[in-house]
């Protein structure tokens, strides 16, 4: 698999099969700069825990230094 050099954020939900993936494993395939483990939600996080998923997206893309983008940057 090609390495993803763009900063990457991961959200892990306990009812998903990949919950608990070690950070060192995740970093083998990409530039993982943020990892959030939640206490609820599952494979369909947008349905199970939309509030948590939206917060993760806003927090990551809202920080232009962390995400390397200016998508949701807050002045």
PDB file of N, CA and C in Angstrom:
ATOM      1  N   UNK A   1       0.843  -1.185   0.000  1.00  0.00           N
ATOM      2  CA  UNK A   1       0.000   0.000   0.000  1.00  0.00           C
ATOM      3  C   UNK A   1       0.886   1.245   0.000  1.00  0.00           C
ATOM      4  N   UNK A   2       0.481   2.272  -0.740  1.00  0.00           N
ATOM      5  CA  UNK A   2       1.264   3.508  -0.738  1.00  0.00           C
ATOM      6  C   UNK A   2       1.112   4.257   0.589  1.00  0.00           C
ATOM      7  N   UNK A   3       2.153   4.931   0.992  1.00  0.00           N
ATOM      8  CA  UNK A   3       2.134   5.728   2.215  1.00  0.00           C
ATOM      9  C   UNK A   3       1.405   7.040   1.935  1.00  0.00           C
ATOM     10  N   UNK A   4       0.527   7.455   2.838  1.00  0.00           N
ATOM     11  CA  UNK A   4      -0.228   8.698   2.702  1.00  0.00           C
ATOM     12  C   UNK A   4       0.516   9.777   3.471  1.00  0.00           C
ATOM     13  N   UNK A   5       1.085  10.744   2.768  1.00  0.00           N
ATOM     14  CA  UNK A   5       1.891  11.772   3.425  1.00  0.00           C
ATOM     15  C   UNK A   5       1.056  12.930   3.976  1.00  0.00           C
ATOM     16  N   UNK A   6      -0.143  13.138   3.437  1.00  0.00           N
ATOM     17  CA  UNK A   6      -1.048  14.171   3.956  1.00  0.00           C
ATOM     18  C   UNK A   6      -1.411  13.807   5.399  1.00  0.00           C
ATOM     19  N   UNK A   7      -1.476  14.784   6.319  1.00  0.00           N
ATOM     20  CA  UNK A   7      -1.877  14.461   7.696  1.00  0.00           C
ATOM     21  C   UNK A   7      -3.232  13.743   7.725  1.00  0.00           C
ATOM     22  N   UNK A   8      -3.328  12.748   8.597  1.00  0.00           N
ATOM     23  CA  UNK A   8      -4.514  11.897   8.705  1.00  0.00           C
ATOM     24  C   UNK A   8      -4.966  11.866  10.167  1.00  0.00           C
ATOM     25  N   UNK A   9      -6.278  11.875  10.382  1.00  0.00           N
ATOM     26  CA  UNK A   9      -6.856  11.720  11.717  1.00  0.00           C
ATOM     27  C   UNK A   9      -7.705  10.457  11.714  1.00  0.00           C
ATOM     28  N   UNK A  10      -7.674   9.735  12.812  1.00  0.00           N
ATOM     29  CA  UNK A  10      -8.469   8.511  12.954  1.00  0.00           C
ATOM     30  C   UNK A  10      -9.440   8.661  14.114  1.00  0.00           C
ATOM     31  N   UNK A  11     -10.657   8.222  13.902  1.00  0.00           N
ATOM     32  CA  UNK A  11     -11.667   8.150  14.956  1.00  0.00           C
ATOM     33  C   UNK A  11     -12.014   6.680  15.123  1.00  0.00           C
ATOM     34  N   UNK A  12     -11.846   6.168  16.328  1.00  0.00           N
ATOM     35  CA  UNK A  12     -12.153   4.760  16.575  1.00  0.00           C
ATOM     36  C   UNK A  12     -13.382   4.649  17.475  1.00  0.00           C
ATOM     37  N   UNK A  13     -14.281   3.746  17.076  1.00  0.00           N
ATOM     38  CA  UNK A  13     -15.526   3.527  17.796  1.00  0.00           C
ATOM     39  C   UNK A  13     -15.567   2.067  18.261  1.00  0.00           C
ATOM     40  N   UNK A  14     -15.983   1.806  19.498  1.00  0.00           N
ATOM     41  CA  UNK A  14     -15.833   0.472  20.097  1.00  0.00           C
ATOM     42  C   UNK A  14     -16.563  -0.667  19.393  1.00  0.00           C
ATOM     43  N   UNK A  15     -17.602  -0.393  18.654  1.00  0.00           N
ATOM     44  CA  UNK A  15     -18.327  -1.482  17.998  1.00  0.00           C
ATOM     45  C   UNK A  15     -17.872  -1.680  16.558  1.00  0.00           C
ATOM     46  N   UNK A  16     -16.689  -1.146  16.235  1.00  0.00           N
ATOM     47  CA  UNK A  16     -16.101  -1.340  14.913  1.00  0.00           C
ATOM     48  C   UNK A  16     -14.982  -2.371  15.025  1.00  0.00           C
ATOM     49  N   UNK A  17     -14.768  -3.120  13.984  1.00  0.00           N
ATOM     50  CA  UNK A  17     -13.797  -4.218  14.020  1.00  0.00           C
ATOM     51  C   UNK A  17     -12.363  -3.724  14.246  1.00  0.00           C
ATOM     52  N   UNK A  18     -12.029  -2.510  13.806  1.00  0.00           N
ATOM     53  CA  UNK A  18     -10.658  -2.012  13.942  1.00  0.00           C
ATOM     54  C   UNK A  18     -10.431  -1.231  15.215  1.00  0.00           C
ATOM     55  N   UNK A  19     -11.386  -1.231  16.132  1.00  0.00           N
ATOM     56  CA  UNK A  19     -11.226  -0.482  17.381  1.00  0.00           C
ATOM     57  C   UNK A  19     -10.007  -0.990  18.140  1.00  0.00           C
ATOM     58  N   UNK A  20      -9.186  -0.085  18.566  1.00  0.00           N
ATOM     59  CA  UNK A  20      -8.008  -0.449  19.344  1.00  0.00           C
ATOM     60  C   UNK A  20      -6.758  -0.674  18.511  1.00  0.00           C
ATOM     61  N   UNK A  21      -6.820  -0.351  17.218  1.00  0.00           N
ATOM     62  CA  UNK A  21      -5.625  -0.486  16.382  1.00  0.00           C
ATOM     63  C   UNK A  21      -4.514   0.376  16.975  1.00  0.00           C
ATOM     64  N   UNK A  22      -3.358  -0.208  17.254  1.00  0.00           N
ATOM     65  CA  UNK A  22      -2.257   0.574  17.825  1.00  0.00           C
ATOM     66  C   UNK A  22      -1.803   1.695  16.885  1.00  0.00           C
ATOM     67  N   UNK A  23      -1.444   2.812  17.452  1.00  0.00           N
ATOM     68  CA  UNK A  23      -1.006   3.969  16.684  1.00  0.00           C
ATOM     69  C   UNK A  23       0.196   3.614  15.801  1.00  0.00           C
ATOM     70  N   UNK A  24       1.109   2.817  16.294  1.00  0.00           N
ATOM     71  CA  UNK A  24       2.286   2.467  15.486  1.00  0.00           C
ATOM     72  C   UNK A  24       1.905   1.670  14.243  1.00  0.00           C
ATOM     73  N   UNK A  25       0.844   0.890  14.315  1.00  0.00           N
ATOM     74  CA  UNK A  25       0.354   0.165  13.138  1.00  0.00           C
ATOM     75  C   UNK A  25      -0.236   1.152  12.134  1.00  0.00           C
ATOM     76  N   UNK A  26      -1.057   2.065  12.633  1.00  0.00           N
ATOM     77  CA  UNK A  26      -1.704   3.045  11.759  1.00  0.00           C
ATOM     78  C   UNK A  26      -0.661   3.908  11.049  1.00  0.00           C
ATOM     79  N   UNK A  27       0.409   4.248  11.744  1.00  0.00           N
ATOM     80  CA  UNK A  27       1.436   5.117  11.164  1.00  0.00           C
ATOM     81  C   UNK A  27       2.261   4.433  10.080  1.00  0.00           C
ATOM     82  N   UNK A  28       2.143   3.137   9.949  1.00  0.00           N
ATOM     83  CA  UNK A  28       2.873   2.431   8.891  1.00  0.00           C
ATOM     84  C   UNK A  28       2.347   2.767   7.499  1.00  0.00           C
ATOM     85  N   UNK A  29       1.073   3.153   7.420  1.00  0.00           N
ATOM     86  CA  UNK A  29       0.482   3.424   6.108  1.00  0.00           C
ATOM     87  C   UNK A  29       0.178   4.900   5.869  1.00  0.00           C
ATOM     88  N   UNK A  30       0.340   5.730   6.900  1.00  0.00           N
ATOM     89  CA  UNK A  30       0.032   7.135   6.703  1.00  0.00           C
ATOM     90  C   UNK A  30       0.557   8.026   7.807  1.00  0.00           C
ATOM     91  N   UNK A  31       0.524   9.298   7.535  1.00  0.00           N
ATOM     92  CA  UNK A  31       0.992  10.332   8.445  1.00  0.00           C
ATOM     93  C   UNK A  31      -0.108  10.624   9.474  1.00  0.00           C
ATOM     94  N   UNK A  32      -0.328   9.697  10.388  1.00  0.00           N
ATOM     95  CA  UNK A  32      -1.390   9.833  11.392  1.00  0.00           C
ATOM     96  C   UNK A  32      -0.929  10.826  12.456  1.00  0.00           C
ATOM     97  N   UNK A  33      -1.669  11.925  12.567  1.00  0.00           N
ATOM     98  CA  UNK A  33      -1.311  12.971  13.522  1.00  0.00           C
ATOM     99  C   UNK A  33      -2.313  13.077  14.674  1.00  0.00           C
ATOM    100  N   UNK A  34      -3.435  12.369  14.547  1.00  0.00           N
ATOM    101  CA  UNK A  34      -4.469  12.436  15.587  1.00  0.00           C
ATOM    102  C   UNK A  34      -5.211  11.117  15.634  1.00  0.00           C
ATOM    103  N   UNK A  35      -5.421  10.613  16.837  1.00  0.00           N
ATOM    104  CA  UNK A  35      -6.185   9.384  17.046  1.00  0.00           C
ATOM    105  C   UNK A  35      -7.114   9.601  18.224  1.00  0.00           C
ATOM    106  N   UNK A  36      -8.406   9.423  17.994  1.00  0.00           N
ATOM    107  CA  UNK A  36      -9.404   9.593  19.052  1.00  0.00           C
ATOM    108  C   UNK A  36     -10.151   8.276  19.218  1.00  0.00           C
ATOM    109  N   UNK A  37     -10.168   7.752  20.445  1.00  0.00           N
ATOM    110  CA  UNK A  37     -10.922   6.531  20.756  1.00  0.00           C
ATOM    111  C   UNK A  37     -12.164   6.936  21.546  1.00  0.00           C
ATOM    112  N   UNK A  38     -13.312   6.520  21.037  1.00  0.00           N
ATOM    113  CA  UNK A  38     -14.578   6.882  21.668  1.00  0.00           C
ATOM    114  C   UNK A  38     -15.120   5.725  22.507  1.00  0.00           C
ATOM    115  N   UNK A  39     -16.049   6.044  23.389  1.00  0.00           N
ATOM    116  CA  UNK A  39     -16.638   5.015  24.256  1.00  0.00           C
ATOM    117  C   UNK A  39     -17.990   4.521  23.753  1.00  0.00           C
ATOM    118  N   UNK A  40     -18.440   5.060  22.609  1.00  0.00           N
ATOM    119  CA  UNK A  40     -19.688   4.584  22.006  1.00  0.00           C
ATOM    120  C   UNK A  40     -19.617   4.764  20.495  1.00  0.00           C
ATOM    121  N   UNK A  41     -20.495   4.072  19.799  1.00  0.00           N
ATOM    122  CA  UNK A  41     -20.526   4.144  18.338  1.00  0.00           C
ATOM    123  C   UNK A  41     -19.986   2.868  17.725  1.00  0.00           C
ATOM    124  N   UNK A  42     -20.148   2.762  16.415  1.00  0.00           N
ATOM    125  CA  UNK A  42     -19.718   1.556  15.737  1.00  0.00           C
ATOM    126  C   UNK A  42     -19.286   1.809  14.315  1.00  0.00           C
ATOM    127  N   UNK A  43     -19.406   0.782  13.495  1.00  0.00           N
ATOM    128  CA  UNK A  43     -18.956   0.857  12.109  1.00  0.00           C
ATOM    129  C   UNK A  43     -19.664   1.975  11.340  1.00  0.00           C
ATOM    130  N   UNK A  44     -20.917   2.205  11.664  1.00  0.00           N
ATOM    131  CA  UNK A  44     -21.674   3.279  11.026  1.00  0.00           C
ATOM    132  C   UNK A  44     -21.755   4.467  11.978  1.00  0.00           C
ATOM    133  N   UNK A  45     -20.609   5.064  12.258  1.00  0.00           N
ATOM    134  CA  UNK A  45     -20.517   6.140  13.251  1.00  0.00           C
ATOM    135  C   UNK A  45     -21.408   7.327  12.909  1.00  0.00           C
ATOM    136  N   UNK A  46     -21.609   7.595  11.636  1.00  0.00           N
ATOM    137  CA  UNK A  46     -22.458   8.715  11.239  1.00  0.00           C
ATOM    138  C   UNK A  46     -23.899   8.510  11.688  1.00  0.00           C
ATOM    139  N   UNK A  47     -24.291   7.262  11.901  1.00  0.00           N
ATOM    140  CA  UNK A  47     -25.639   6.939  12.383  1.00  0.00           C
ATOM    141  C   UNK A  47     -25.613   6.720  13.897  1.00  0.00           C
ATOM    142  N   UNK A  48     -24.612   5.985  14.375  1.00  0.00           N
ATOM    143  CA  UNK A  48     -24.528   5.608  15.788  1.00  0.00           C
ATOM    144  C   UNK A  48     -24.151   6.765  16.711  1.00  0.00           C
ATOM    145  N   UNK A  49     -23.205   7.577  16.285  1.00  0.00           N
ATOM    146  CA  UNK A  49     -22.689   8.651  17.138  1.00  0.00           C
ATOM    147  C   UNK A  49     -22.302   9.860  16.282  1.00  0.00           C
ATOM    148  N   UNK A  50     -23.273  10.454  15.584  1.00  0.00           N
ATOM    149  CA  UNK A  50     -22.938  11.557  14.674  1.00  0.00           C
ATOM    150  C   UNK A  50     -22.300  12.752  15.382  1.00  0.00           C
ATOM    151  N   UNK A  51     -22.695  12.995  16.622  1.00  0.00           N
ATOM    152  CA  UNK A  51     -22.126  14.124  17.359  1.00  0.00           C
ATOM    153  C   UNK A  51     -20.621  13.956  17.563  1.00  0.00           C
ATOM    154  N   UNK A  52     -20.184  12.741  17.861  1.00  0.00           N
ATOM    155  CA  UNK A  52     -18.760  12.480  18.060  1.00  0.00           C
ATOM    156  C   UNK A  52     -17.984  12.584  16.750  1.00  0.00           C
ATOM    157  N   UNK A  53     -18.545  12.037  15.693  1.00  0.00           N
ATOM    158  CA  UNK A  53     -17.878  12.064  14.398  1.00  0.00           C
ATOM    159  C   UNK A  53     -17.749  13.484  13.869  1.00  0.00           C
ATOM    160  N   UNK A  54     -18.810  14.273  13.972  1.00  0.00           N
ATOM    161  CA  UNK A  54     -18.773  15.659  13.505  1.00  0.00           C
ATOM    162  C   UNK A  54     -17.753  16.466  14.307  1.00  0.00           C
ATOM    163  N   UNK A  55     -17.714  16.253  15.614  1.00  0.00           N
ATOM    164  CA  UNK A  55     -16.729  16.971  16.445  1.00  0.00           C
ATOM    165  C   UNK A  55     -15.309  16.610  16.030  1.00  0.00           C
ATOM    166  N   UNK A  56     -15.047  15.336  15.751  1.00  0.00           N
ATOM    167  CA  UNK A  56     -13.715  14.919  15.314  1.00  0.00           C
ATOM    168  C   UNK A  56     -13.328  15.592  13.998  1.00  0.00           C
ATOM    169  N   UNK A  57     -14.261  15.627  13.053  1.00  0.00           N
ATOM    170  CA  UNK A  57     -13.991  16.256  11.752  1.00  0.00           C
ATOM    171  C   UNK A  57     -13.721  17.751  11.936  1.00  0.00           C
ATOM    172  N   UNK A  58     -14.557  18.424  12.727  1.00  0.00           N
ATOM    173  CA  UNK A  58     -14.377  19.855  12.954  1.00  0.00           C
ATOM    174  C   UNK A  58     -13.073  20.150  13.693  1.00  0.00           C
ATOM    175  N   UNK A  59     -12.744  19.347  14.688  1.00  0.00           N
ATOM    176  CA  UNK A  59     -11.513  19.563  15.448  1.00  0.00           C
ATOM    177  C   UNK A  59     -10.277  19.371  14.581  1.00  0.00           C
ATOM    178  N   UNK A  60     -10.296  18.356  13.723  1.00  0.00           N
ATOM    179  CA  UNK A  60      -9.138  18.096  12.874  1.00  0.00           C
ATOM    180  C   UNK A  60      -8.993  19.151  11.783  1.00  0.00           C
ATOM    181  N   UNK A  61     -10.032  19.348  10.996  1.00  0.00           N
ATOM    182  CA  UNK A  61      -9.934  20.301   9.892  1.00  0.00           C
ATOM    183  C   UNK A  61      -9.980  21.752  10.367  1.00  0.00           C
ATOM    184  N   UNK A  62     -10.442  21.985  11.580  1.00  0.00           N
ATOM    185  CA  UNK A  62     -10.445  23.332  12.149  1.00  0.00           C
ATOM    186  C   UNK A  62      -9.076  23.785  12.600  1.00  0.00           C
ATOM    187  N   UNK A  63      -8.140  22.871  12.715  1.00  0.00           N
ATOM    188  CA  UNK A  63      -6.769  23.182  13.099  1.00  0.00           C
ATOM    189  C   UNK A  63      -5.894  23.072  11.852  1.00  0.00           C
ATOM    190  N   UNK A  64      -5.636  24.184  11.206  1.00  0.00           N
ATOM    191  CA  UNK A  64      -4.937  24.132   9.921  1.00  0.00           C
ATOM    192  C   UNK A  64      -3.502  23.635  10.045  1.00  0.00           C
ATOM    193  N   UNK A  65      -2.875  23.822  11.187  1.00  0.00           N
ATOM    194  CA  UNK A  65      -1.519  23.306  11.364  1.00  0.00           C
ATOM    195  C   UNK A  65      -1.532  21.783  11.472  1.00  0.00           C
ATOM    196  N   UNK A  66      -2.502  21.257  12.181  1.00  0.00           N
ATOM    197  CA  UNK A  66      -2.610  19.814  12.357  1.00  0.00           C
ATOM    198  C   UNK A  66      -3.033  19.119  11.062  1.00  0.00           C
ATOM    199  N   UNK A  67      -4.052  19.660  10.396  1.00  0.00           N
ATOM    200  CA  UNK A  67      -4.614  19.013   9.204  1.00  0.00           C
ATOM    201  C   UNK A  67      -3.880  19.351   7.909  1.00  0.00           C
ATOM    202  N   UNK A  68      -3.174  20.459   7.908  1.00  0.00           N
ATOM    203  CA  UNK A  68      -2.504  20.875   6.681  1.00  0.00           C
ATOM    204  C   UNK A  68      -3.461  21.443   5.657  1.00  0.00           C
ATOM    205  N   UNK A  69      -4.667  21.780   6.081  1.00  0.00           N
ATOM    206  CA  UNK A  69      -5.673  22.350   5.171  1.00  0.00           C
ATOM    207  C   UNK A  69      -6.283  23.594   5.784  1.00  0.00           C
ATOM    208  N   UNK A  70      -7.154  24.216   5.043  1.00  0.00           N
ATOM    209  CA  UNK A  70      -7.868  25.407   5.521  1.00  0.00           C
ATOM    210  C   UNK A  70      -9.373  25.218   5.350  1.00  0.00           C
ATOM    211  N   UNK A  71      -9.843  23.985   5.433  1.00  0.00           N
ATOM    212  CA  UNK A  71     -11.225  23.660   5.130  1.00  0.00           C
ATOM    213  C   UNK A  71     -12.213  24.299   6.112  1.00  0.00           C
ATOM    214  N   UNK A  72     -12.062  24.004   7.402  1.00  0.00           N
ATOM    215  CA  UNK A  72     -12.991  24.515   8.411  1.00  0.00           C
ATOM    216  C   UNK A  72     -12.293  25.457   9.377  1.00  0.00           C
ATOM    217  N   UNK A  73     -11.291  26.151   8.925  1.00  0.00           N
ATOM    218  CA  UNK A  73     -10.493  26.980   9.820  1.00  0.00           C
ATOM    219  C   UNK A  73     -11.356  28.025  10.495  1.00  0.00           C
ATOM    220  N   UNK A  74     -11.205  28.133  11.805  1.00  0.00           N
ATOM    221  CA  UNK A  74     -11.949  29.116  12.599  1.00  0.00           C
ATOM    222  C   UNK A  74     -11.032  30.295  12.917  1.00  0.00           C
ATOM    223  N   UNK A  75     -11.454  31.481  12.579  1.00  0.00           N
ATOM    224  CA  UNK A  75     -10.662  32.685  12.873  1.00  0.00           C
ATOM    225  C   UNK A  75     -10.713  32.997  14.349  1.00  0.00           C
TER     226      UNK A  75
END
